[in-house]
Amino acid sequence: MMKFGLIIWVCSFLQGNACLDPMKYPILHDSWYECSRQAHQESLKLIAKMGYAYVNKYNIGVKYNCEPVRIY
């Protein structure tokens, strides 16, 4: 059986595209669809926490990956 683990990076898209360390979420998802939806929901929360001024000043964006995990 295949599950998907969510990994999110918060990055500044100014020159150099520096990213913070990846955040691995503890919940495994049953499908890429569920993982991707969770990634977008978490991204909105992270952007909101950082606030309008900070996000604009540092060109903050979020990258994610839904990494396949084989469950035996």
N, C-alpha and C. Protein backbone atom coordinates (compact mmCIF):
# COMPACT_ATOMS: atom_id res chain seq x y z
N MET A 1 0.85 -1.18 0.00
CA MET A 1 0.00 0.00 0.00
C MET A 1 0.89 1.24 0.00
N MET A 2 0.49 2.24 -0.75
CA MET A 2 1.25 3.49 -0.85
C MET A 2 0.52 4.60 -0.11
N LYS A 3 1.27 5.34 0.70
CA LYS A 3 0.77 6.54 1.37
C LYS A 3 1.67 7.70 0.92
N PHE A 4 1.31 8.91 1.33
CA PHE A 4 2.08 10.09 0.94
C PHE A 4 2.35 10.96 2.16
N GLY A 5 3.61 11.32 2.34
CA GLY A 5 4.02 12.19 3.43
C GLY A 5 4.26 13.60 2.92
N LEU A 6 3.73 14.58 3.64
CA LEU A 6 3.83 15.97 3.22
C LEU A 6 5.10 16.62 3.76
N ILE A 7 5.83 17.28 2.86
CA ILE A 7 7.01 18.06 3.22
C ILE A 7 6.82 19.46 2.65
N ILE A 8 7.00 20.47 3.50
CA ILE A 8 6.82 21.87 3.08
C ILE A 8 8.09 22.67 3.37
N TRP A 9 8.45 23.51 2.41
CA TRP A 9 9.56 24.45 2.57
C TRP A 9 9.01 25.87 2.46
N VAL A 10 9.40 26.73 3.38
CA VAL A 10 9.09 28.17 3.28
C VAL A 10 10.35 28.82 2.71
N CYS A 11 10.17 29.57 1.62
CA CYS A 11 11.33 30.12 0.91
C CYS A 11 11.15 31.61 0.63
N SER A 12 12.29 32.28 0.54
CA SER A 12 12.33 33.64 0.06
C SER A 12 12.75 33.57 -1.41
N PHE A 13 11.93 34.14 -2.28
CA PHE A 13 12.22 34.09 -3.70
C PHE A 13 12.94 35.34 -4.19
N LEU A 14 13.66 35.99 -3.28
CA LEU A 14 14.59 37.02 -3.68
C LEU A 14 15.79 36.31 -4.30
N GLN A 15 16.79 37.01 -4.70
CA GLN A 15 17.96 36.37 -5.29
C GLN A 15 18.47 35.25 -4.39
N GLY A 16 18.70 34.10 -4.98
CA GLY A 16 19.25 32.98 -4.23
C GLY A 16 18.22 31.96 -3.79
N ASN A 17 16.95 32.32 -3.75
CA ASN A 17 15.88 31.39 -3.36
C ASN A 17 16.19 30.60 -2.09
N ALA A 18 16.52 31.29 -1.01
CA ALA A 18 16.85 30.62 0.25
C ALA A 18 15.59 30.05 0.90
N CYS A 19 15.69 28.79 1.34
CA CYS A 19 14.56 28.13 2.00
C CYS A 19 14.94 27.74 3.42
N LEU A 20 13.96 27.77 4.30
CA LEU A 20 14.15 27.24 5.63
C LEU A 20 14.21 25.72 5.55
N ASP A 21 14.60 25.08 6.64
CA ASP A 21 14.62 23.62 6.68
C ASP A 21 13.22 23.08 6.40
N PRO A 22 13.14 21.95 5.75
CA PRO A 22 11.82 21.39 5.43
C PRO A 22 11.06 20.99 6.68
N MET A 23 9.75 21.14 6.61
CA MET A 23 8.86 20.69 7.68
C MET A 23 8.18 19.42 7.22
N LYS A 24 8.39 18.34 7.95
CA LYS A 24 7.74 17.07 7.62
C LYS A 24 6.53 16.91 8.53
N TYR A 25 5.39 16.72 7.93
CA TYR A 25 4.15 16.57 8.70
C TYR A 25 3.97 15.11 9.07
N PRO A 26 3.52 14.85 10.30
CA PRO A 26 3.48 13.47 10.81
C PRO A 26 2.35 12.60 10.24
N ILE A 27 1.38 13.21 9.62
CA ILE A 27 0.24 12.44 9.12
C ILE A 27 0.51 11.97 7.70
N LEU A 28 0.30 10.69 7.45
CA LEU A 28 0.41 10.15 6.09
C LEU A 28 -0.97 10.20 5.44
N HIS A 29 -0.98 10.52 4.15
CA HIS A 29 -2.23 10.64 3.40
C HIS A 29 -2.40 9.44 2.49
N ASP A 30 -3.66 9.10 2.23
CA ASP A 30 -3.98 7.94 1.41
C ASP A 30 -3.80 8.19 -0.08
N SER A 31 -3.72 9.45 -0.50
CA SER A 31 -3.59 9.75 -1.92
C SER A 31 -2.81 11.05 -2.12
N TRP A 32 -2.28 11.21 -3.34
CA TRP A 32 -1.60 12.45 -3.70
C TRP A 32 -2.58 13.62 -3.56
N TYR A 33 -3.80 13.41 -3.97
CA TYR A 33 -4.85 14.43 -3.91
C TYR A 33 -5.00 14.97 -2.48
N GLU A 34 -5.15 14.06 -1.51
CA GLU A 34 -5.32 14.48 -0.11
C GLU A 34 -4.09 15.21 0.40
N CYS A 35 -2.93 14.71 0.05
CA CYS A 35 -1.68 15.33 0.48
C CYS A 35 -1.53 16.73 -0.12
N SER A 36 -1.84 16.86 -1.40
CA SER A 36 -1.73 18.14 -2.08
C SER A 36 -2.70 19.17 -1.49
N ARG A 37 -3.92 18.74 -1.21
CA ARG A 37 -4.89 19.65 -0.58
C ARG A 37 -4.39 20.12 0.78
N GLN A 38 -3.84 19.19 1.56
CA GLN A 38 -3.30 19.55 2.88
C GLN A 38 -2.14 20.53 2.73
N ALA A 39 -1.31 20.34 1.71
CA ALA A 39 -0.18 21.24 1.47
C ALA A 39 -0.66 22.67 1.25
N HIS A 40 -1.70 22.83 0.47
CA HIS A 40 -2.22 24.16 0.19
C HIS A 40 -2.86 24.78 1.43
N GLN A 41 -3.56 23.98 2.21
CA GLN A 41 -4.17 24.49 3.45
C GLN A 41 -3.08 24.94 4.43
N GLU A 42 -2.05 24.12 4.60
CA GLU A 42 -0.96 24.47 5.51
C GLU A 42 -0.19 25.68 5.00
N SER A 43 -0.01 25.78 3.69
CA SER A 43 0.69 26.93 3.11
C SER A 43 -0.04 28.23 3.42
N LEU A 44 -1.35 28.22 3.29
CA LEU A 44 -2.14 29.41 3.62
C LEU A 44 -1.97 29.80 5.08
N LYS A 45 -1.95 28.82 5.97
CA LYS A 45 -1.75 29.11 7.39
C LYS A 45 -0.37 29.73 7.64
N LEU A 46 0.65 29.16 7.02
CA LEU A 46 2.01 29.66 7.21
C LEU A 46 2.15 31.09 6.70
N ILE A 47 1.63 31.36 5.51
CA ILE A 47 1.69 32.71 4.93
C ILE A 47 0.94 33.70 5.82
N ALA A 48 -0.22 33.30 6.31
CA ALA A 48 -1.00 34.19 7.17
C ALA A 48 -0.25 34.49 8.47
N LYS A 49 0.40 33.50 9.05
CA LYS A 49 1.17 33.71 10.29
C LYS A 49 2.30 34.72 10.09
N MET A 50 2.96 34.66 8.94
CA MET A 50 4.08 35.56 8.67
C MET A 50 3.62 36.98 8.41
N GLY A 51 2.43 37.13 7.88
CA GLY A 51 1.86 38.45 7.69
C GLY A 51 2.22 39.12 6.37
N TYR A 52 1.38 40.04 6.02
CA TYR A 52 1.44 40.76 4.75
C TYR A 52 2.79 41.44 4.53
N ALA A 53 3.26 42.21 5.50
CA ALA A 53 4.48 42.99 5.33
C ALA A 53 5.71 42.09 5.15
N TYR A 54 5.83 41.07 5.98
CA TYR A 54 6.98 40.17 5.93
C TYR A 54 7.01 39.40 4.61
N VAL A 55 5.87 38.86 4.22
CA VAL A 55 5.77 38.09 2.98
C VAL A 55 6.14 38.95 1.77
N ASN A 56 5.67 40.18 1.75
CA ASN A 56 6.00 41.08 0.64
C ASN A 56 7.45 41.54 0.67
N LYS A 57 7.97 41.83 1.86
CA LYS A 57 9.35 42.32 1.98
C LYS A 57 10.35 41.27 1.48
N TYR A 58 10.11 40.00 1.82
CA TYR A 58 11.07 38.94 1.50
C TYR A 58 10.61 38.02 0.37
N ASN A 59 9.53 38.38 -0.32
CA ASN A 59 9.00 37.55 -1.42
C ASN A 59 8.85 36.09 -0.99
N ILE A 60 8.14 35.89 0.09
CA ILE A 60 7.98 34.56 0.67
C ILE A 60 7.01 33.73 -0.16
N GLY A 61 7.36 32.48 -0.35
CA GLY A 61 6.50 31.51 -1.01
C GLY A 61 6.70 30.15 -0.36
N VAL A 62 5.88 29.22 -0.73
CA VAL A 62 5.92 27.90 -0.14
C VAL A 62 6.04 26.86 -1.25
N LYS A 63 6.95 25.91 -1.05
CA LYS A 63 7.08 24.76 -1.95
C LYS A 63 6.68 23.52 -1.16
N TYR A 64 6.18 22.51 -1.86
CA TYR A 64 5.85 21.27 -1.15
C TYR A 64 6.12 20.06 -2.02
N ASN A 65 6.20 18.93 -1.36
CA ASN A 65 6.28 17.65 -2.04
C ASN A 65 5.46 16.65 -1.24
N CYS A 66 4.77 15.80 -1.95
CA CYS A 66 4.06 14.68 -1.33
C CYS A 66 4.87 13.44 -1.65
N GLU A 67 5.66 13.03 -0.69
CA GLU A 67 6.63 11.95 -0.89
C GLU A 67 5.97 10.59 -0.70
N PRO A 68 6.09 9.70 -1.70
CA PRO A 68 5.49 8.37 -1.56
C PRO A 68 6.17 7.56 -0.46
N VAL A 69 5.37 6.88 0.33
CA VAL A 69 5.86 6.03 1.40
C VAL A 69 5.17 4.68 1.26
N ARG A 70 5.95 3.63 1.11
CA ARG A 70 5.35 2.30 0.99
C ARG A 70 5.08 1.75 2.39
N ILE A 71 3.85 1.33 2.61
CA ILE A 71 3.44 0.75 3.89
C ILE A 71 3.26 -0.76 3.67
N TYR A 72 3.95 -1.54 4.48
CA TYR A 72 3.85 -3.01 4.36
C TYR A 72 2.91 -3.57 5.38
